[in-house]
Amino acid sequence: MRDALQHSLAPVQLQIEDDSHRHAGHAGARDGRGHFNVRVVSEAFAGLGQLARHRAIYAALGDMMQTDIHALSIQAQTPAEAG
């Protein structure tokens, strides 16, 4: 996940938290896919709305959304927004 996001979005900050342990027993967790929180700060988001930013992250992750990730909480900002 980290490599895919770094390669596609060249973030200046990237935080990934695996939150899967909080969802043990959840129907979506039974197939082995995880629950993650990501914070991506990138110039690639300049001029994009939140929906387009989320789409860029999903595109960067590609097939991982079908094979490794069940749920993804996203915080996507430009460096100026992140302060």
PDB file of N, CA and C in Angstrom:
ATOM      1  N   MET A   1       0.841  -1.179   0.000  1.00  0.00           N
ATOM      2  CA  MET A   1       0.000   0.000   0.000  1.00  0.00           C
ATOM      3  C   MET A   1       0.893   1.251   0.000  1.00  0.00           C
ATOM      4  N   ARG A   2       1.878   1.266   0.888  1.00  0.00           N
ATOM      5  CA  ARG A   2       2.774   2.412   0.989  1.00  0.00           C
ATOM      6  C   ARG A   2       3.486   2.664  -0.345  1.00  0.00           C
ATOM      7  N   ASP A   3       4.030   1.620  -0.947  1.00  0.00           N
ATOM      8  CA  ASP A   3       4.753   1.773  -2.219  1.00  0.00           C
ATOM      9  C   ASP A   3       3.839   2.313  -3.314  1.00  0.00           C
ATOM     10  N   ALA A   4       2.632   1.798  -3.391  1.00  0.00           N
ATOM     11  CA  ALA A   4       1.695   2.230  -4.431  1.00  0.00           C
ATOM     12  C   ALA A   4       1.337   3.705  -4.283  1.00  0.00           C
ATOM     13  N   LEU A   5       1.076   4.137  -3.060  1.00  0.00           N
ATOM     14  CA  LEU A   5       0.727   5.538  -2.826  1.00  0.00           C
ATOM     15  C   LEU A   5       1.922   6.461  -3.061  1.00  0.00           C
ATOM     16  N   GLN A   6       3.103   6.031  -2.627  1.00  0.00           N
ATOM     17  CA  GLN A   6       4.296   6.853  -2.842  1.00  0.00           C
ATOM     18  C   GLN A   6       4.610   6.982  -4.328  1.00  0.00           C
ATOM     19  N   HIS A   7       4.484   5.903  -5.049  1.00  0.00           N
ATOM     20  CA  HIS A   7       4.792   5.916  -6.479  1.00  0.00           C
ATOM     21  C   HIS A   7       3.821   6.804  -7.269  1.00  0.00           C
ATOM     22  N   SER A   8       2.548   6.706  -6.961  1.00  0.00           N
ATOM     23  CA  SER A   8       1.533   7.428  -7.734  1.00  0.00           C
ATOM     24  C   SER A   8       1.337   8.881  -7.320  1.00  0.00           C
ATOM     25  N   LEU A   9       1.467   9.163  -6.026  1.00  0.00           N
ATOM     26  CA  LEU A   9       1.091  10.484  -5.530  1.00  0.00           C
ATOM     27  C   LEU A   9       2.250  11.306  -4.963  1.00  0.00           C
ATOM     28  N   ALA A  10       3.430  10.717  -4.835  1.00  0.00           N
ATOM     29  CA  ALA A  10       4.611  11.405  -4.298  1.00  0.00           C
ATOM     30  C   ALA A  10       4.268  12.252  -3.066  1.00  0.00           C
ATOM     31  N   PRO A  11       3.703  11.640  -2.038  1.00  0.00           N
ATOM     32  CA  PRO A  11       3.276  12.423  -0.871  1.00  0.00           C
ATOM     33  C   PRO A  11       4.457  12.997  -0.096  1.00  0.00           C
ATOM     34  N   VAL A  12       4.226  14.155   0.504  1.00  0.00           N
ATOM     35  CA  VAL A  12       5.215  14.726   1.413  1.00  0.00           C
ATOM     36  C   VAL A  12       4.995  14.179   2.824  1.00  0.00           C
ATOM     37  N   GLN A  13       3.798  13.676   3.074  1.00  0.00           N
ATOM     38  CA  GLN A  13       3.484  12.970   4.314  1.00  0.00           C
ATOM     39  C   GLN A  13       2.572  11.806   3.971  1.00  0.00           C
ATOM     40  N   LEU A  14       2.834  10.672   4.603  1.00  0.00           N
ATOM     41  CA  LEU A  14       1.992   9.496   4.384  1.00  0.00           C
ATOM     42  C   LEU A  14       1.922   8.714   5.688  1.00  0.00           C
ATOM     43  N   GLN A  15       0.713   8.549   6.182  1.00  0.00           N
ATOM     44  CA  GLN A  15       0.485   7.760   7.385  1.00  0.00           C
ATOM     45  C   GLN A  15      -0.524   6.675   7.050  1.00  0.00           C
ATOM     46  N   ILE A  16      -0.194   5.467   7.425  1.00  0.00           N
ATOM     47  CA  ILE A  16      -1.101   4.332   7.211  1.00  0.00           C
ATOM     48  C   ILE A  16      -1.271   3.630   8.545  1.00  0.00           C
ATOM     49  N   GLU A  17      -2.521   3.468   8.944  1.00  0.00           N
ATOM     50  CA  GLU A  17      -2.831   2.771  10.189  1.00  0.00           C
ATOM     51  C   GLU A  17      -3.691   1.557   9.861  1.00  0.00           C
ATOM     52  N   ASP A  18      -3.209   0.391  10.267  1.00  0.00           N
ATOM     53  CA  ASP A  18      -3.977  -0.844  10.097  1.00  0.00           C
ATOM     54  C   ASP A  18      -4.918  -0.960  11.290  1.00  0.00           C
ATOM     55  N   ASP A  19      -6.186  -0.817  11.025  1.00  0.00           N
ATOM     56  CA  ASP A  19      -7.219  -0.819  12.053  1.00  0.00           C
ATOM     57  C   ASP A  19      -7.985  -2.144  12.066  1.00  0.00           C
ATOM     58  N   SER A  20      -7.447  -3.149  11.418  1.00  0.00           N
ATOM     59  CA  SER A  20      -8.158  -4.418  11.234  1.00  0.00           C
ATOM     60  C   SER A  20      -8.505  -5.101  12.555  1.00  0.00           C
ATOM     61  N   HIS A  21      -7.637  -4.983  13.542  1.00  0.00           N
ATOM     62  CA  HIS A  21      -7.870  -5.660  14.820  1.00  0.00           C
ATOM     63  C   HIS A  21      -9.171  -5.207  15.494  1.00  0.00           C
ATOM     64  N   ARG A  22      -9.625  -4.007  15.184  1.00  0.00           N
ATOM     65  CA  ARG A  22     -10.870  -3.508  15.764  1.00  0.00           C
ATOM     66  C   ARG A  22     -12.114  -4.097  15.097  1.00  0.00           C
ATOM     67  N   HIS A  23     -11.912  -4.815  14.021  1.00  0.00           N
ATOM     68  CA  HIS A  23     -13.037  -5.338  13.249  1.00  0.00           C
ATOM     69  C   HIS A  23     -13.064  -6.862  13.226  1.00  0.00           C
ATOM     70  N   ALA A  24     -12.374  -7.490  14.139  1.00  0.00           N
ATOM     71  CA  ALA A  24     -12.375  -8.951  14.218  1.00  0.00           C
ATOM     72  C   ALA A  24     -13.803  -9.451  14.382  1.00  0.00           C
ATOM     73  N   GLY A  25     -14.169 -10.431  13.593  1.00  0.00           N
ATOM     74  CA  GLY A  25     -15.514 -10.980  13.637  1.00  0.00           C
ATOM     75  C   GLY A  25     -16.492 -10.276  12.718  1.00  0.00           C
ATOM     76  N   HIS A  26     -16.116  -9.120  12.228  1.00  0.00           N
ATOM     77  CA  HIS A  26     -16.937  -8.360  11.271  1.00  0.00           C
ATOM     78  C   HIS A  26     -17.014  -9.154   9.964  1.00  0.00           C
ATOM     79  N   ALA A  27     -18.164  -9.153   9.339  1.00  0.00           N
ATOM     80  CA  ALA A  27     -18.354  -9.942   8.116  1.00  0.00           C
ATOM     81  C   ALA A  27     -17.308  -9.617   7.058  1.00  0.00           C
ATOM     82  N   GLY A  28     -16.958  -8.359   6.896  1.00  0.00           N
ATOM     83  CA  GLY A  28     -15.981  -7.974   5.892  1.00  0.00           C
ATOM     84  C   GLY A  28     -14.571  -8.403   6.216  1.00  0.00           C
ATOM     85  N   ALA A  29     -14.309  -8.667   7.487  1.00  0.00           N
ATOM     86  CA  ALA A  29     -12.965  -9.068   7.903  1.00  0.00           C
ATOM     87  C   ALA A  29     -12.729 -10.560   7.717  1.00  0.00           C
ATOM     88  N   ARG A  30     -13.772 -11.321   7.531  1.00  0.00           N
ATOM     89  CA  ARG A  30     -13.634 -12.770   7.417  1.00  0.00           C
ATOM     90  C   ARG A  30     -12.883 -13.208   6.170  1.00  0.00           C
ATOM     91  N   ASP A  31     -12.902 -12.378   5.128  1.00  0.00           N
ATOM     92  CA  ASP A  31     -12.222 -12.758   3.893  1.00  0.00           C
ATOM     93  C   ASP A  31     -10.738 -12.400   3.904  1.00  0.00           C
ATOM     94  N   GLY A  32     -10.251 -11.869   5.040  1.00  0.00           N
ATOM     95  CA  GLY A  32      -8.833 -11.584   5.175  1.00  0.00           C
ATOM     96  C   GLY A  32      -8.415 -10.185   4.748  1.00  0.00           C
ATOM     97  N   ARG A  33      -9.351  -9.422   4.191  1.00  0.00           N
ATOM     98  CA  ARG A  33      -9.012  -8.054   3.788  1.00  0.00           C
ATOM     99  C   ARG A  33      -9.089  -7.143   5.007  1.00  0.00           C
ATOM    100  N   GLY A  34      -8.257  -6.097   5.016  1.00  0.00           N
ATOM    101  CA  GLY A  34      -8.116  -5.255   6.186  1.00  0.00           C
ATOM    102  C   GLY A  34      -8.874  -3.948   6.146  1.00  0.00           C
ATOM    103  N   HIS A  35      -8.890  -3.306   7.303  1.00  0.00           N
ATOM    104  CA  HIS A  35      -9.473  -1.981   7.505  1.00  0.00           C
ATOM    105  C   HIS A  35      -8.315  -1.023   7.773  1.00  0.00           C
ATOM    106  N   PHE A  36      -8.238   0.052   7.019  1.00  0.00           N
ATOM    107  CA  PHE A  36      -7.105   0.959   7.124  1.00  0.00           C
ATOM    108  C   PHE A  36      -7.552   2.415   7.175  1.00  0.00           C
ATOM    109  N   ASN A  37      -6.751   3.229   7.846  1.00  0.00           N
ATOM    110  CA  ASN A  37      -6.879   4.683   7.835  1.00  0.00           C
ATOM    111  C   ASN A  37      -5.632   5.206   7.141  1.00  0.00           C
ATOM    112  N   VAL A  38      -5.806   6.102   6.169  1.00  0.00           N
ATOM    113  CA  VAL A  38      -4.652   6.703   5.511  1.00  0.00           C
ATOM    114  C   VAL A  38      -4.766   8.223   5.552  1.00  0.00           C
ATOM    115  N   ARG A  39      -3.619   8.859   5.721  1.00  0.00           N
ATOM    116  CA  ARG A  39      -3.508  10.309   5.615  1.00  0.00           C
ATOM    117  C   ARG A  39      -2.436  10.557   4.573  1.00  0.00           C
ATOM    118  N   VAL A  40      -2.832  11.209   3.487  1.00  0.00           N
ATOM    119  CA  VAL A  40      -1.928  11.481   2.381  1.00  0.00           C
ATOM    120  C   VAL A  40      -1.892  12.993   2.162  1.00  0.00           C
ATOM    121  N   VAL A  41      -0.690  13.557   2.228  1.00  0.00           N
ATOM    122  CA  VAL A  41      -0.492  14.977   1.959  1.00  0.00           C
ATOM    123  C   VAL A  41       0.362  15.056   0.706  1.00  0.00           C
ATOM    124  N   SER A  42      -0.216  15.609  -0.364  1.00  0.00           N
ATOM    125  CA  SER A  42       0.465  15.608  -1.650  1.00  0.00           C
ATOM    126  C   SER A  42       0.078  16.813  -2.497  1.00  0.00           C
ATOM    127  N   GLU A  43       1.034  17.343  -3.236  1.00  0.00           N
ATOM    128  CA  GLU A  43       0.755  18.402  -4.208  1.00  0.00           C
ATOM    129  C   GLU A  43      -0.146  17.897  -5.324  1.00  0.00           C
ATOM    130  N   ALA A  44      -0.180  16.589  -5.509  1.00  0.00           N
ATOM    131  CA  ALA A  44      -1.025  16.004  -6.561  1.00  0.00           C
ATOM    132  C   ALA A  44      -2.498  16.331  -6.346  1.00  0.00           C
ATOM    133  N   PHE A  45      -2.878  16.721  -5.138  1.00  0.00           N
ATOM    134  CA  PHE A  45      -4.267  17.032  -4.827  1.00  0.00           C
ATOM    135  C   PHE A  45      -4.639  18.487  -5.098  1.00  0.00           C
ATOM    136  N   ALA A  46      -3.664  19.301  -5.460  1.00  0.00           N
ATOM    137  CA  ALA A  46      -3.929  20.729  -5.710  1.00  0.00           C
ATOM    138  C   ALA A  46      -4.979  20.884  -6.806  1.00  0.00           C
ATOM    139  N   GLY A  47      -5.998  21.667  -6.514  1.00  0.00           N
ATOM    140  CA  GLY A  47      -7.067  21.920  -7.479  1.00  0.00           C
ATOM    141  C   GLY A  47      -8.118  20.832  -7.563  1.00  0.00           C
ATOM    142  N   LEU A  48      -7.988  19.783  -6.777  1.00  0.00           N
ATOM    143  CA  LEU A  48      -8.958  18.684  -6.798  1.00  0.00           C
ATOM    144  C   LEU A  48      -9.884  18.763  -5.593  1.00  0.00           C
ATOM    145  N   GLY A  49     -11.144  18.417  -5.798  1.00  0.00           N
ATOM    146  CA  GLY A  49     -12.082  18.297  -4.695  1.00  0.00           C
ATOM    147  C   GLY A  49     -11.858  16.979  -3.965  1.00  0.00           C
ATOM    148  N   GLN A  50     -12.560  16.801  -2.856  1.00  0.00           N
ATOM    149  CA  GLN A  50     -12.380  15.591  -2.049  1.00  0.00           C
ATOM    150  C   GLN A  50     -12.686  14.316  -2.823  1.00  0.00           C
ATOM    151  N   LEU A  51     -13.745  14.308  -3.616  1.00  0.00           N
ATOM    152  CA  LEU A  51     -14.094  13.111  -4.367  1.00  0.00           C
ATOM    153  C   LEU A  51     -12.978  12.732  -5.342  1.00  0.00           C
ATOM    154  N   ALA A  52     -12.434  13.699  -6.047  1.00  0.00           N
ATOM    155  CA  ALA A  52     -11.348  13.432  -6.993  1.00  0.00           C
ATOM    156  C   ALA A  52     -10.090  12.960  -6.259  1.00  0.00           C
ATOM    157  N   ARG A  53      -9.840  13.488  -5.095  1.00  0.00           N
ATOM    158  CA  ARG A  53      -8.688  13.055  -4.294  1.00  0.00           C
ATOM    159  C   ARG A  53      -8.846  11.601  -3.873  1.00  0.00           C
ATOM    160  N   HIS A  54     -10.038  11.248  -3.433  1.00  0.00           N
ATOM    161  CA  HIS A  54     -10.300   9.860  -3.039  1.00  0.00           C
ATOM    162  C   HIS A  54     -10.164   8.936  -4.246  1.00  0.00           C
ATOM    163  N   ARG A  55     -10.672   9.364  -5.378  1.00  0.00           N
ATOM    164  CA  ARG A  55     -10.537   8.556  -6.590  1.00  0.00           C
ATOM    165  C   ARG A  55      -9.077   8.354  -6.961  1.00  0.00           C
ATOM    166  N   ALA A  56      -8.247   9.378  -6.778  1.00  0.00           N
ATOM    167  CA  ALA A  56      -6.819   9.258  -7.072  1.00  0.00           C
ATOM    168  C   ALA A  56      -6.162   8.220  -6.155  1.00  0.00           C
ATOM    169  N   ILE A  57      -6.576   8.201  -4.903  1.00  0.00           N
ATOM    170  CA  ILE A  57      -6.034   7.213  -3.961  1.00  0.00           C
ATOM    171  C   ILE A  57      -6.501   5.816  -4.346  1.00  0.00           C
ATOM    172  N   TYR A  58      -7.785   5.665  -4.653  1.00  0.00           N
ATOM    173  CA  TYR A  58      -8.287   4.353  -5.085  1.00  0.00           C
ATOM    174  C   TYR A  58      -7.578   3.875  -6.349  1.00  0.00           C
ATOM    175  N   ALA A  59      -7.345   4.778  -7.280  1.00  0.00           N
ATOM    176  CA  ALA A  59      -6.643   4.416  -8.522  1.00  0.00           C
ATOM    177  C   ALA A  59      -5.215   3.984  -8.221  1.00  0.00           C
ATOM    178  N   ALA A  60      -4.561   4.675  -7.300  1.00  0.00           N
ATOM    179  CA  ALA A  60      -3.191   4.316  -6.934  1.00  0.00           C
ATOM    180  C   ALA A  60      -3.137   2.923  -6.309  1.00  0.00           C
ATOM    181  N   LEU A  61      -4.159   2.579  -5.543  1.00  0.00           N
ATOM    182  CA  LEU A  61      -4.183   1.277  -4.874  1.00  0.00           C
ATOM    183  C   LEU A  61      -4.632   0.155  -5.797  1.00  0.00           C
ATOM    184  N   GLY A  62      -5.331   0.502  -6.861  1.00  0.00           N
ATOM    185  CA  GLY A  62      -5.704  -0.474  -7.886  1.00  0.00           C
ATOM    186  C   GLY A  62      -6.388  -1.712  -7.333  1.00  0.00           C
ATOM    187  N   ASP A  63      -5.873  -2.868  -7.698  1.00  0.00           N
ATOM    188  CA  ASP A  63      -6.470  -4.148  -7.316  1.00  0.00           C
ATOM    189  C   ASP A  63      -6.447  -4.419  -5.816  1.00  0.00           C
ATOM    190  N   MET A  64      -5.613  -3.695  -5.086  1.00  0.00           N
ATOM    191  CA  MET A  64      -5.573  -3.901  -3.635  1.00  0.00           C
ATOM    192  C   MET A  64      -6.933  -3.647  -2.994  1.00  0.00           C
ATOM    193  N   MET A  65      -7.742  -2.789  -3.631  1.00  0.00           N
ATOM    194  CA  MET A  65      -9.072  -2.530  -3.100  1.00  0.00           C
ATOM    195  C   MET A  65      -9.956  -3.777  -3.187  1.00  0.00           C
ATOM    196  N   GLN A  66      -9.627  -4.693  -4.052  1.00  0.00           N
ATOM    197  CA  GLN A  66     -10.396  -5.927  -4.197  1.00  0.00           C
ATOM    198  C   GLN A  66      -9.752  -7.099  -3.465  1.00  0.00           C
ATOM    199  N   THR A  67      -8.431  -7.045  -3.269  1.00  0.00           N
ATOM    200  CA  THR A  67      -7.722  -8.201  -2.729  1.00  0.00           C
ATOM    201  C   THR A  67      -7.240  -8.043  -1.295  1.00  0.00           C
ATOM    202  N   ASP A  68      -6.914  -6.823  -0.874  1.00  0.00           N
ATOM    203  CA  ASP A  68      -6.296  -6.618   0.435  1.00  0.00           C
ATOM    204  C   ASP A  68      -7.058  -5.678   1.363  1.00  0.00           C
ATOM    205  N   ILE A  69      -7.865  -4.797   0.798  1.00  0.00           N
ATOM    206  CA  ILE A  69      -8.501  -3.741   1.590  1.00  0.00           C
ATOM    207  C   ILE A  69     -10.018  -3.914   1.571  1.00  0.00           C
ATOM    208  N   HIS A  70     -10.598  -4.012   2.758  1.00  0.00           N
ATOM    209  CA  HIS A  70     -12.053  -4.079   2.867  1.00  0.00           C
ATOM    210  C   HIS A  70     -12.634  -2.680   3.092  1.00  0.00           C
ATOM    211  N   ALA A  71     -11.978  -1.906   3.959  1.00  0.00           N
ATOM    212  CA  ALA A  71     -12.455  -0.561   4.289  1.00  0.00           C
ATOM    213  C   ALA A  71     -11.270   0.387   4.361  1.00  0.00           C
ATOM    214  N   LEU A  72     -11.486   1.602   3.862  1.00  0.00           N
ATOM    215  CA  LEU A  72     -10.416   2.580   3.817  1.00  0.00           C
ATOM    216  C   LEU A  72     -10.964   3.946   4.216  1.00  0.00           C
ATOM    217  N   SER A  73     -10.448   4.478   5.309  1.00  0.00           N
ATOM    218  CA  SER A  73     -10.786   5.829   5.745  1.00  0.00           C
ATOM    219  C   SER A  73      -9.680   6.742   5.226  1.00  0.00           C
ATOM    220  N   ILE A  74     -10.054   7.805   4.515  1.00  0.00           N
ATOM    221  CA  ILE A  74      -9.082   8.638   3.817  1.00  0.00           C
ATOM    222  C   ILE A  74      -9.116  10.074   4.319  1.00  0.00           C
ATOM    223  N   GLN A  75      -7.926  10.608   4.569  1.00  0.00           N
ATOM    224  CA  GLN A  75      -7.737  12.035   4.777  1.00  0.00           C
ATOM    225  C   GLN A  75      -6.719  12.455   3.723  1.00  0.00           C
ATOM    226  N   ALA A  76      -7.133  13.276   2.764  1.00  0.00           N
ATOM    227  CA  ALA A  76      -6.285  13.699   1.645  1.00  0.00           C
ATOM    228  C   ALA A  76      -6.187  15.219   1.625  1.00  0.00           C
ATOM    229  N   GLN A  77      -4.963  15.733   1.724  1.00  0.00           N
ATOM    230  CA  GLN A  77      -4.743  17.169   1.794  1.00  0.00           C
ATOM    231  C   GLN A  77      -3.564  17.580   0.930  1.00  0.00           C
ATOM    232  N   THR A  78      -3.550  18.853   0.556  1.00  0.00           N
ATOM    233  CA  THR A  78      -2.361  19.432  -0.057  1.00  0.00           C
ATOM    234  C   THR A  78      -1.436  19.864   1.088  1.00  0.00           C
ATOM    235  N   PRO A  79      -0.162  20.105   0.811  1.00  0.00           N
ATOM    236  CA  PRO A  79       0.738  20.599   1.864  1.00  0.00           C
ATOM    237  C   PRO A  79       0.243  21.908   2.487  1.00  0.00           C
ATOM    238  N   ALA A  80      -0.331  22.787   1.697  1.00  0.00           N
ATOM    239  CA  ALA A  80      -0.836  24.048   2.236  1.00  0.00           C
ATOM    240  C   ALA A  80      -1.986  23.824   3.220  1.00  0.00           C
ATOM    241  N   GLU A  81      -2.838  22.847   2.938  1.00  0.00           N
ATOM    242  CA  GLU A  81      -3.963  22.538   3.825  1.00  0.00           C
ATOM    243  C   GLU A  81      -3.499  21.866   5.099  1.00  0.00           C
ATOM    244  N   ALA A  82      -2.427  21.094   4.992  1.00  0.00           N
ATOM    245  CA  ALA A  82      -1.922  20.350   6.157  1.00  0.00           C
ATOM    246  C   ALA A  82      -1.186  21.260   7.125  1.00  0.00           C
ATOM    247  N   GLY A  83      -0.786  22.439   6.620  1.00  0.00           N
ATOM    248  CA  GLY A  83      -0.127  23.416   7.482  1.00  0.00           C
ATOM    249  C   GLY A  83       1.294  23.155   7.616  1.00  0.00           C
TER     250      GLY A  83
END
